Structures are given as structure tokens and as C-alpha cells.
Amino acid sequence: MSFQGNQYQVDQALVGRQIELRYRPEDLSQLEVWFRDRQFGLAVPLVVERHVHPQLPSSPRPLPQPTGVDYLGQVLAEHEASETGSISFRKLTTDEEQTG
């Protein structure tokens, strides 16, 4: 039996019959199998590709806690430290032009 991309095994007596599945949307590994208002146990998961129902809204991810370290500021400070200094126009000419 296939449900939401997962493969399950059910009782052989239910093969070819329309069954009802009862489950919690946040856990597709536990499916109750019902037929004509009678429970036939749990479907045995064989291949589980999806663990939650796709229509279940995802819980919001918590915001990361600030570490107090300004990594971008450190990179900028290192860059500025390597680039600072006076500009020398003598460095723009070659040695031959200076002596010539």
C-alpha cells in the first residue's frame, strides 16, 4: 500500500479493498488501518520517504541567538588595515622612467 510517497504493508485480507487510515499528520510512521468500522492494527512501514504530512504547517524556526562577534566588521577592519597608508605616485612609474 502506498500513502504520501511511503510504502506500507497491511493485512492480506485487505488487499484490493478500500480502507481508512487514521494517523497524526506529524508522524506518518504510525498509521491505523480501519475497514468497515473495525481496526486492523497498524500499517507496517516499509519505505518512509516523508515523515510528516505535506499539508502540516511547518513550525517556525527560532531566531539564532546573537554571539556578540561582528564577523563582517572584523573582515572589513582587516581589509582596511591592509589597504591604508599614504599614496605614493612614484610607485606608479617604472624604474626606467624615474632614472630617464
PDB file of N, CA and C in Angstrom:
ATOM      1  N   MET A   1       0.853  -1.165   0.000  1.00  0.00           N
ATOM      2  CA  MET A   1       0.000   0.000   0.000  1.00  0.00           C
ATOM      3  C   MET A   1       0.903   1.234   0.000  1.00  0.00           C
ATOM      4  N   SER A   2       0.490   2.262  -0.716  1.00  0.00           N
ATOM      5  CA  SER A   2       1.255   3.498  -0.814  1.00  0.00           C
ATOM      6  C   SER A   2       0.426   4.641  -0.240  1.00  0.00           C
ATOM      7  N   PHE A   3       1.073   5.518   0.537  1.00  0.00           N
ATOM      8  CA  PHE A   3       0.417   6.695   1.094  1.00  0.00           C
ATOM      9  C   PHE A   3       1.448   7.795   1.257  1.00  0.00           C
ATOM     10  N   GLN A   4       1.205   8.942   0.634  1.00  0.00           N
ATOM     11  CA  GLN A   4       2.073  10.124   0.714  1.00  0.00           C
ATOM     12  C   GLN A   4       3.523   9.790   0.346  1.00  0.00           C
ATOM     13  N   GLY A   5       3.708   8.940  -0.646  1.00  0.00           N
ATOM     14  CA  GLY A   5       5.051   8.602  -1.104  1.00  0.00           C
ATOM     15  C   GLY A   5       5.735   7.530  -0.281  1.00  0.00           C
ATOM     16  N   ASN A   6       5.099   7.032   0.753  1.00  0.00           N
ATOM     17  CA  ASN A   6       5.656   5.977   1.589  1.00  0.00           C
ATOM     18  C   ASN A   6       5.010   4.639   1.221  1.00  0.00           C
ATOM     19  N   GLN A   7       5.725   3.553   1.467  1.00  0.00           N
ATOM     20  CA  GLN A   7       5.206   2.211   1.219  1.00  0.00           C
ATOM     21  C   GLN A   7       4.958   1.516   2.560  1.00  0.00           C
ATOM     22  N   TYR A   8       3.762   0.903   2.676  1.00  0.00           N
ATOM     23  CA  TYR A   8       3.371   0.221   3.900  1.00  0.00           C
ATOM     24  C   TYR A   8       2.856  -1.172   3.555  1.00  0.00           C
ATOM     25  N   GLN A   9       2.923  -2.048   4.541  1.00  0.00           N
ATOM     26  CA  GLN A   9       2.359  -3.382   4.407  1.00  0.00           C
ATOM     27  C   GLN A   9       1.145  -3.476   5.322  1.00  0.00           C
ATOM     28  N   VAL A  10       0.035  -4.030   4.792  1.00  0.00           N
ATOM     29  CA  VAL A  10      -1.192  -4.197   5.573  1.00  0.00           C
ATOM     30  C   VAL A  10      -1.590  -5.667   5.557  1.00  0.00           C
ATOM     31  N   ASP A  11      -2.591  -6.018   6.344  1.00  0.00           N
ATOM     32  CA  ASP A  11      -3.106  -7.381   6.415  1.00  0.00           C
ATOM     33  C   ASP A  11      -3.524  -7.857   5.023  1.00  0.00           C
ATOM     34  N   GLN A  12      -3.189  -9.098   4.685  1.00  0.00           N
ATOM     35  CA  GLN A  12      -3.506  -9.660   3.364  1.00  0.00           C
ATOM     36  C   GLN A  12      -5.007  -9.654   3.080  1.00  0.00           C
ATOM     37  N   ALA A  13      -5.831  -9.745   4.113  1.00  0.00           N
ATOM     38  CA  ALA A  13      -7.280  -9.762   3.923  1.00  0.00           C
ATOM     39  C   ALA A  13      -7.801  -8.438   3.367  1.00  0.00           C
ATOM     40  N   LEU A  14      -6.983  -7.387   3.442  1.00  0.00           N
ATOM     41  CA  LEU A  14      -7.411  -6.063   2.991  1.00  0.00           C
ATOM     42  C   LEU A  14      -6.945  -5.725   1.573  1.00  0.00           C
ATOM     43  N   VAL A  15      -6.217  -6.618   0.937  1.00  0.00           N
ATOM     44  CA  VAL A  15      -5.699  -6.351  -0.407  1.00  0.00           C
ATOM     45  C   VAL A  15      -6.871  -6.134  -1.365  1.00  0.00           C
ATOM     46  N   GLY A  16      -6.825  -5.033  -2.102  1.00  0.00           N
ATOM     47  CA  GLY A  16      -7.857  -4.703  -3.079  1.00  0.00           C
ATOM     48  C   GLY A  16      -9.087  -4.039  -2.491  1.00  0.00           C
ATOM     49  N   ARG A  17      -9.105  -3.824  -1.189  1.00  0.00           N
ATOM     50  CA  ARG A  17     -10.267  -3.199  -0.549  1.00  0.00           C
ATOM     51  C   ARG A  17      -9.953  -1.740  -0.227  1.00  0.00           C
ATOM     52  N   GLN A  18     -11.003  -0.940  -0.147  1.00  0.00           N
ATOM     53  CA  GLN A  18     -10.832   0.465   0.220  1.00  0.00           C
ATOM     54  C   GLN A  18     -10.808   0.543   1.741  1.00  0.00           C
ATOM     55  N   ILE A  19      -9.706   1.015   2.287  1.00  0.00           N
ATOM     56  CA  ILE A  19      -9.534   1.088   3.738  1.00  0.00           C
ATOM     57  C   ILE A  19      -9.487   2.543   4.177  1.00  0.00           C
ATOM     58  N   GLU A  20      -9.585   2.743   5.466  1.00  0.00           N
ATOM     59  CA  GLU A  20      -9.467   4.073   6.057  1.00  0.00           C
ATOM     60  C   GLU A  20      -8.197   4.092   6.883  1.00  0.00           C
ATOM     61  N   LEU A  21      -7.440   5.172   6.753  1.00  0.00           N
ATOM     62  CA  LEU A  21      -6.217   5.339   7.538  1.00  0.00           C
ATOM     63  C   LEU A  21      -6.424   6.459   8.535  1.00  0.00           C
ATOM     64  N   ARG A  22      -6.039   6.192   9.760  1.00  0.00           N
ATOM     65  CA  ARG A  22      -6.084   7.216  10.804  1.00  0.00           C
ATOM     66  C   ARG A  22      -4.665   7.414  11.307  1.00  0.00           C
ATOM     67  N   TYR A  23      -4.278   8.676  11.365  1.00  0.00           N
ATOM     68  CA  TYR A  23      -2.887   8.977  11.701  1.00  0.00           C
ATOM     69  C   TYR A  23      -2.777  10.390  12.224  1.00  0.00           C
ATOM     70  N   ARG A  24      -1.631  10.668  12.838  1.00  0.00           N
ATOM     71  CA  ARG A  24      -1.283  12.031  13.235  1.00  0.00           C
ATOM     72  C   ARG A  24      -0.462  12.633  12.102  1.00  0.00           C
ATOM     73  N   PRO A  25      -0.810  13.821  11.620  1.00  0.00           N
ATOM     74  CA  PRO A  25      -0.084  14.398  10.470  1.00  0.00           C
ATOM     75  C   PRO A  25       1.410  14.592  10.719  1.00  0.00           C
ATOM     76  N   GLU A  26       1.811  14.725  11.979  1.00  0.00           N
ATOM     77  CA  GLU A  26       3.233  14.946  12.262  1.00  0.00           C
ATOM     78  C   GLU A  26       4.025  13.650  12.392  1.00  0.00           C
ATOM     79  N   ASP A  27       3.360  12.473  12.226  1.00  0.00           N
ATOM     80  CA  ASP A  27       4.068  11.192  12.329  1.00  0.00           C
ATOM     81  C   ASP A  27       3.432  10.173  11.387  1.00  0.00           C
ATOM     82  N   LEU A  28       3.973  10.078  10.173  1.00  0.00           N
ATOM     83  CA  LEU A  28       3.421   9.148   9.186  1.00  0.00           C
ATOM     84  C   LEU A  28       3.990   7.732   9.332  1.00  0.00           C
ATOM     85  N   SER A  29       4.714   7.469  10.404  1.00  0.00           N
ATOM     86  CA  SER A  29       5.210   6.113  10.623  1.00  0.00           C
ATOM     87  C   SER A  29       4.190   5.253  11.376  1.00  0.00           C
ATOM     88  N   GLN A  30       3.156   5.872  11.937  1.00  0.00           N
ATOM     89  CA  GLN A  30       2.130   5.159  12.696  1.00  0.00           C
ATOM     90  C   GLN A  30       0.769   5.365  12.042  1.00  0.00           C
ATOM     91  N   LEU A  31       0.354   4.449  11.180  1.00  0.00           N
ATOM     92  CA  LEU A  31      -0.942   4.544  10.513  1.00  0.00           C
ATOM     93  C   LEU A  31      -1.849   3.438  11.037  1.00  0.00           C
ATOM     94  N   GLU A  32      -2.998   3.819  11.582  1.00  0.00           N
ATOM     95  CA  GLU A  32      -4.001   2.821  11.974  1.00  0.00           C
ATOM     96  C   GLU A  32      -4.804   2.456  10.730  1.00  0.00           C
ATOM     97  N   VAL A  33      -5.035   1.169  10.538  1.00  0.00           N
ATOM     98  CA  VAL A  33      -5.786   0.680   9.379  1.00  0.00           C
ATOM     99  C   VAL A  33      -7.182   0.286   9.849  1.00  0.00           C
ATOM    100  N   TRP A  34      -8.216   0.865   9.200  1.00  0.00           N
ATOM    101  CA  TRP A  34      -9.607   0.589   9.537  1.00  0.00           C
ATOM    102  C   TRP A  34     -10.347   0.118   8.282  1.00  0.00           C
ATOM    103  N   PHE A  35     -11.232  -0.868   8.477  1.00  0.00           N
ATOM    104  CA  PHE A  35     -12.082  -1.351   7.398  1.00  0.00           C
ATOM    105  C   PHE A  35     -13.442  -1.662   7.998  1.00  0.00           C
ATOM    106  N   ARG A  36     -14.467  -1.013   7.464  1.00  0.00           N
ATOM    107  CA  ARG A  36     -15.844  -1.191   7.921  1.00  0.00           C
ATOM    108  C   ARG A  36     -15.960  -1.024   9.445  1.00  0.00           C
ATOM    109  N   ASP A  37     -15.449   0.108   9.941  1.00  0.00           N
ATOM    110  CA  ASP A  37     -15.527   0.473  11.363  1.00  0.00           C
ATOM    111  C   ASP A  37     -14.832  -0.529  12.285  1.00  0.00           C
ATOM    112  N   ARG A  38     -13.894  -1.260  11.770  1.00  0.00           N
ATOM    113  CA  ARG A  38     -13.135  -2.211  12.586  1.00  0.00           C
ATOM    114  C   ARG A  38     -11.647  -1.965  12.349  1.00  0.00           C
ATOM    115  N   GLN A  39     -10.885  -1.892  13.446  1.00  0.00           N
ATOM    116  CA  GLN A  39      -9.450  -1.633  13.325  1.00  0.00           C
ATOM    117  C   GLN A  39      -8.714  -2.930  12.986  1.00  0.00           C
ATOM    118  N   PHE A  40      -7.791  -2.824  12.025  1.00  0.00           N
ATOM    119  CA  PHE A  40      -6.973  -3.955  11.611  1.00  0.00           C
ATOM    120  C   PHE A  40      -5.509  -3.745  11.977  1.00  0.00           C
ATOM    121  N   GLY A  41      -5.252  -3.068  13.047  1.00  0.00           N
ATOM    122  CA  GLY A  41      -3.879  -2.859  13.506  1.00  0.00           C
ATOM    123  C   GLY A  41      -3.205  -1.695  12.804  1.00  0.00           C
ATOM    124  N   LEU A  42      -1.875  -1.727  12.840  1.00  0.00           N
ATOM    125  CA  LEU A  42      -1.069  -0.666  12.242  1.00  0.00           C
ATOM    126  C   LEU A  42      -0.482  -1.131  10.916  1.00  0.00           C
ATOM    127  N   ALA A  43      -0.381  -0.216   9.977  1.00  0.00           N
ATOM    128  CA  ALA A  43       0.324  -0.499   8.731  1.00  0.00           C
ATOM    129  C   ALA A  43       1.820  -0.522   9.041  1.00  0.00           C
ATOM    130  N   VAL A  44       2.512  -1.504   8.510  1.00  0.00           N
ATOM    131  CA  VAL A  44       3.947  -1.652   8.761  1.00  0.00           C
ATOM    132  C   VAL A  44       4.705  -0.832   7.712  1.00  0.00           C
ATOM    133  N   PRO A  45       5.465   0.184   8.150  1.00  0.00           N
ATOM    134  CA  PRO A  45       6.198   0.997   7.176  1.00  0.00           C
ATOM    135  C   PRO A  45       7.346   0.198   6.555  1.00  0.00           C
ATOM    136  N   LEU A  46       7.405   0.181   5.239  1.00  0.00           N
ATOM    137  CA  LEU A  46       8.490  -0.492   4.521  1.00  0.00           C
ATOM    138  C   LEU A  46       9.507   0.518   4.007  1.00  0.00           C
ATOM    139  N   VAL A  47       9.012   1.555   3.338  1.00  0.00           N
ATOM    140  CA  VAL A  47       9.871   2.630   2.824  1.00  0.00           C
ATOM    141  C   VAL A  47       9.228   3.947   3.234  1.00  0.00           C
ATOM    142  N   VAL A  48       9.939   4.725   4.047  1.00  0.00           N
ATOM    143  CA  VAL A  48       9.410   6.011   4.517  1.00  0.00           C
ATOM    144  C   VAL A  48      10.251   7.122   3.895  1.00  0.00           C
ATOM    145  N   GLU A  49       9.648   7.813   2.931  1.00  0.00           N
ATOM    146  CA  GLU A  49      10.294   8.959   2.283  1.00  0.00           C
ATOM    147  C   GLU A  49       9.851  10.259   2.941  1.00  0.00           C
ATOM    148  N   ARG A  50       8.634  10.298   3.419  1.00  0.00           N
ATOM    149  CA  ARG A  50       8.065  11.500   4.026  1.00  0.00           C
ATOM    150  C   ARG A  50       7.639  11.140   5.444  1.00  0.00           C
ATOM    151  N   HIS A  51       8.094  11.930   6.415  1.00  0.00           N
ATOM    152  CA  HIS A  51       7.799  11.645   7.818  1.00  0.00           C
ATOM    153  C   HIS A  51       6.605  12.423   8.352  1.00  0.00           C
ATOM    154  N   VAL A  52       6.271  13.529   7.685  1.00  0.00           N
ATOM    155  CA  VAL A  52       5.127  14.345   8.111  1.00  0.00           C
ATOM    156  C   VAL A  52       4.236  14.595   6.904  1.00  0.00           C
ATOM    157  N   HIS A  53       2.977  14.873   7.143  1.00  0.00           N
ATOM    158  CA  HIS A  53       2.029  15.146   6.065  1.00  0.00           C
ATOM    159  C   HIS A  53       2.403  16.467   5.399  1.00  0.00           C
ATOM    160  N   PRO A  54       2.330  16.553   4.061  1.00  0.00           N
ATOM    161  CA  PRO A  54       2.772  17.781   3.382  1.00  0.00           C
ATOM    162  C   PRO A  54       1.916  19.000   3.686  1.00  0.00           C
ATOM    163  N   GLN A  55       0.676  18.820   4.119  1.00  0.00           N
ATOM    164  CA  GLN A  55      -0.175  19.974   4.422  1.00  0.00           C
ATOM    165  C   GLN A  55      -0.004  20.463   5.862  1.00  0.00           C
ATOM    166  N   LEU A  56       0.809  19.773   6.635  1.00  0.00           N
ATOM    167  CA  LEU A  56       1.070  20.205   8.000  1.00  0.00           C
ATOM    168  C   LEU A  56       1.936  21.453   7.955  1.00  0.00           C
ATOM    169  N   PRO A  57       1.484  22.559   8.562  1.00  0.00           N
ATOM    170  CA  PRO A  57       2.311  23.770   8.531  1.00  0.00           C
ATOM    171  C   PRO A  57       3.605  23.535   9.305  1.00  0.00           C
ATOM    172  N   SER A  58       4.691  23.991   8.714  1.00  0.00           N
ATOM    173  CA  SER A  58       5.975  23.808   9.388  1.00  0.00           C
ATOM    174  C   SER A  58       6.087  24.781  10.553  1.00  0.00           C
ATOM    175  N   SER A  59       6.723  24.319  11.597  1.00  0.00           N
ATOM    176  CA  SER A  59       6.889  25.175  12.763  1.00  0.00           C
ATOM    177  C   SER A  59       7.959  26.214  12.454  1.00  0.00           C
ATOM    178  N   PRO A  60       7.771  27.437  12.928  1.00  0.00           N
ATOM    179  CA  PRO A  60       8.761  28.479  12.632  1.00  0.00           C
ATOM    180  C   PRO A  60      10.082  28.153  13.310  1.00  0.00           C
ATOM    181  N   ARG A  61      11.157  28.411  12.580  1.00  0.00           N
ATOM    182  CA  ARG A  61      12.479  28.165  13.149  1.00  0.00           C
ATOM    183  C   ARG A  61      12.819  29.288  14.115  1.00  0.00           C
ATOM    184  N   PRO A  62      13.405  28.953  15.241  1.00  0.00           N
ATOM    185  CA  PRO A  62      13.769  30.017  16.189  1.00  0.00           C
ATOM    186  C   PRO A  62      14.898  30.875  15.621  1.00  0.00           C
ATOM    187  N   LEU A  63      14.867  32.144  15.978  1.00  0.00           N
ATOM    188  CA  LEU A  63      15.922  33.053  15.541  1.00  0.00           C
ATOM    189  C   LEU A  63      17.217  32.680  16.239  1.00  0.00           C
ATOM    190  N   PRO A  64      18.341  32.746  15.535  1.00  0.00           N
ATOM    191  CA  PRO A  64      19.610  32.413  16.191  1.00  0.00           C
ATOM    192  C   PRO A  64      19.960  33.455  17.243  1.00  0.00           C
ATOM    193  N   GLN A  65      20.567  32.988  18.297  1.00  0.00           N
ATOM    194  CA  GLN A  65      20.985  33.880  19.373  1.00  0.00           C
ATOM    195  C   GLN A  65      22.239  34.636  18.927  1.00  0.00           C
ATOM    196  N   PRO A  66      22.286  35.941  19.166  1.00  0.00           N
ATOM    197  CA  PRO A  66      23.475  36.703  18.770  1.00  0.00           C
ATOM    198  C   PRO A  66      24.688  36.260  19.583  1.00  0.00           C
ATOM    199  N   THR A  67      25.850  36.179  18.918  1.00  0.00           N
ATOM    200  CA  THR A  67      27.068  35.739  19.591  1.00  0.00           C
ATOM    201  C   THR A  67      27.862  36.905  20.148  1.00  0.00           C
ATOM    202  N   GLY A  68      27.556  38.104  19.658  1.00  0.00           N
ATOM    203  CA  GLY A  68      28.315  39.266  20.112  1.00  0.00           C
ATOM    204  C   GLY A  68      29.576  39.488  19.291  1.00  0.00           C
ATOM    205  N   VAL A  69      29.825  38.627  18.313  1.00  0.00           N
ATOM    206  CA  VAL A  69      31.010  38.763  17.471  1.00  0.00           C
ATOM    207  C   VAL A  69      30.571  39.330  16.128  1.00  0.00           C
ATOM    208  N   ASP A  70      31.214  40.414  15.712  1.00  0.00           N
ATOM    209  CA  ASP A  70      30.897  41.058  14.447  1.00  0.00           C
ATOM    210  C   ASP A  70      31.903  40.570  13.397  1.00  0.00           C
ATOM    211  N   TYR A  71      31.572  39.442  12.759  1.00  0.00           N
ATOM    212  CA  TYR A  71      32.492  38.854  11.790  1.00  0.00           C
ATOM    213  C   TYR A  71      32.704  39.755  10.576  1.00  0.00           C
ATOM    214  N   LEU A  72      31.631  40.341  10.069  1.00  0.00           N
ATOM    215  CA  LEU A  72      31.772  41.234   8.920  1.00  0.00           C
ATOM    216  C   LEU A  72      32.622  42.446   9.292  1.00  0.00           C
ATOM    217  N   GLY A  73      32.439  42.953  10.496  1.00  0.00           N
ATOM    218  CA  GLY A  73      33.252  44.083  10.962  1.00  0.00           C
ATOM    219  C   GLY A  73      34.720  43.711  11.046  1.00  0.00           C
ATOM    220  N   GLN A  74      35.013  42.474  11.476  1.00  0.00           N
ATOM    221  CA  GLN A  74      36.407  42.026  11.548  1.00  0.00           C
ATOM    222  C   GLN A  74      37.031  41.935  10.160  1.00  0.00           C
ATOM    223  N   VAL A  75      36.271  41.397   9.201  1.00  0.00           N
ATOM    224  CA  VAL A  75      36.784  41.291   7.833  1.00  0.00           C
ATOM    225  C   VAL A  75      37.031  42.684   7.256  1.00  0.00           C
ATOM    226  N   LEU A  76      36.096  43.600   7.480  1.00  0.00           N
ATOM    227  CA  LEU A  76      36.255  44.965   6.981  1.00  0.00           C
ATOM    228  C   LEU A  76      37.459  45.643   7.629  1.00  0.00           C
ATOM    229  N   ALA A  77      37.641  45.471   8.924  1.00  0.00           N
ATOM    230  CA  ALA A  77      38.780  46.085   9.617  1.00  0.00           C
ATOM    231  C   ALA A  77      40.097  45.538   9.088  1.00  0.00           C
ATOM    232  N   GLU A  78      40.172  44.223   8.843  1.00  0.00           N
ATOM    233  CA  GLU A  78      41.401  43.638   8.291  1.00  0.00           C
ATOM    234  C   GLU A  78      41.665  44.161   6.887  1.00  0.00           C
ATOM    235  N   HIS A  79      40.617  44.293   6.095  1.00  0.00           N
ATOM    236  CA  HIS A  79      40.783  44.820   4.735  1.00  0.00           C
ATOM    237  C   HIS A  79      41.260  46.262   4.768  1.00  0.00           C
ATOM    238  N   GLU A  80      40.644  47.076   5.594  1.00  0.00           N
ATOM    239  CA  GLU A  80      41.047  48.481   5.682  1.00  0.00           C
ATOM    240  C   GLU A  80      42.467  48.610   6.211  1.00  0.00           C
ATOM    241  N   ALA A  81      42.860  47.751   7.142  1.00  0.00           N
ATOM    242  CA  ALA A  81      44.221  47.815   7.682  1.00  0.00           C
ATOM    243  C   ALA A  81      45.246  47.471   6.607  1.00  0.00           C
ATOM    244  N   SER A  82      44.908  46.545   5.716  1.00  0.00           N
ATOM    245  CA  SER A  82      45.855  46.172   4.661  1.00  0.00           C
ATOM    246  C   SER A  82      45.881  47.205   3.529  1.00  0.00           C
ATOM    247  N   GLU A  83      44.840  47.984   3.384  1.00  0.00           N
ATOM    248  CA  GLU A  83      44.740  48.953   2.293  1.00  0.00           C
ATOM    249  C   GLU A  83      45.126  50.364   2.700  1.00  0.00           C
ATOM    250  N   THR A  84      45.232  50.633   3.973  1.00  0.00           N
ATOM    251  CA  THR A  84      45.518  52.003   4.394  1.00  0.00           C
ATOM    252  C   THR A  84      46.998  52.310   4.238  1.00  0.00           C
ATOM    253  N   GLY A  85      47.311  53.551   4.195  1.00  0.00           N
ATOM    254  CA  GLY A  85      48.682  54.025   4.009  1.00  0.00           C
ATOM    255  C   GLY A  85      48.646  55.179   3.034  1.00  0.00           C
ATOM    256  N   SER A  86      49.771  55.856   2.912  1.00  0.00           N
ATOM    257  CA  SER A  86      49.801  57.001   2.000  1.00  0.00           C
ATOM    258  C   SER A  86      49.957  56.506   0.567  1.00  0.00           C
ATOM    259  N   ILE A  87      49.465  57.326  -0.334  1.00  0.00           N
ATOM    260  CA  ILE A  87      49.563  57.009  -1.749  1.00  0.00           C
ATOM    261  C   ILE A  87      50.848  57.629  -2.280  1.00  0.00           C
ATOM    262  N   SER A  88      51.648  56.806  -2.914  1.00  0.00           N
ATOM    263  CA  SER A  88      52.899  57.298  -3.483  1.00  0.00           C
ATOM    264  C   SER A  88      52.793  57.208  -4.996  1.00  0.00           C
ATOM    265  N   PHE A  89      52.874  58.382  -5.635  1.00  0.00           N
ATOM    266  CA  PHE A  89      52.776  58.399  -7.092  1.00  0.00           C
ATOM    267  C   PHE A  89      54.050  57.886  -7.740  1.00  0.00           C
ATOM    268  N   ARG A  90      55.162  57.847  -6.983  1.00  0.00           N
ATOM    269  CA  ARG A  90      56.397  57.309  -7.515  1.00  0.00           C
ATOM    270  C   ARG A  90      56.271  55.824  -7.831  1.00  0.00           C
ATOM    271  N   LYS A  91      55.416  55.137  -7.108  1.00  0.00           N
ATOM    272  CA  LYS A  91      55.233  53.702  -7.325  1.00  0.00           C
ATOM    273  C   LYS A  91      54.470  53.417  -8.610  1.00  0.00           C
ATOM    274  N   LEU A  92      53.871  54.441  -9.215  1.00  0.00           N
ATOM    275  CA  LEU A  92      53.117  54.248 -10.427  1.00  0.00           C
ATOM    276  C   LEU A  92      53.994  54.191 -11.668  1.00  0.00           C
ATOM    277  N   THR A  93      55.240  54.682 -11.562  1.00  0.00           N
ATOM    278  CA  THR A  93      56.137  54.672 -12.712  1.00  0.00           C
ATOM    279  C   THR A  93      57.135  53.541 -12.565  1.00  0.00           C
ATOM    280  N   THR A  94      57.748  53.131 -13.666  1.00  0.00           N
ATOM    281  CA  THR A  94      58.748  52.075 -13.617  1.00  0.00           C
ATOM    282  C   THR A  94      60.078  52.671 -13.243  1.00  0.00           C
ATOM    283  N   ASP A  95      61.020  51.840 -12.907  1.00  0.00           N
ATOM    284  CA  ASP A  95      62.359  52.297 -12.511  1.00  0.00           C
ATOM    285  C   ASP A  95      63.055  53.025 -13.660  1.00  0.00           C
ATOM    286  N   GLU A  96      62.834  52.592 -14.915  1.00  0.00           N
ATOM    287  CA  GLU A  96      63.472  53.225 -16.072  1.00  0.00           C
ATOM    288  C   GLU A  96      62.959  54.646 -16.280  1.00  0.00           C
ATOM    289  N   GLU A  97      61.692  54.877 -16.039  1.00  0.00           N
ATOM    290  CA  GLU A  97      61.116  56.213 -16.223  1.00  0.00           C
ATOM    291  C   GLU A  97      61.671  57.173 -15.184  1.00  0.00           C
ATOM    292  N   GLN A  98      61.953  56.660 -13.974  1.00  0.00           N
ATOM    293  CA  GLN A  98      62.459  57.531 -12.897  1.00  0.00           C
ATOM    294  C   GLN A  98      63.896  57.972 -13.174  1.00  0.00           C
ATOM    295  N   THR A  99      64.697  57.073 -13.761  1.00  0.00           N
ATOM    296  CA  THR A  99      66.098  57.418 -13.995  1.00  0.00           C
ATOM    297  C   THR A  99      66.293  58.168 -15.317  1.00  0.00           C
ATOM    298  N   GLY A 100      65.373  58.072 -16.234  1.00  0.00           N
ATOM    299  CA  GLY A 100      65.485  58.558 -17.569  1.00  0.00           C
ATOM    300  C   GLY A 100      65.453  59.969 -17.783  1.00  0.00           C
TER     301      GLY A 100
END
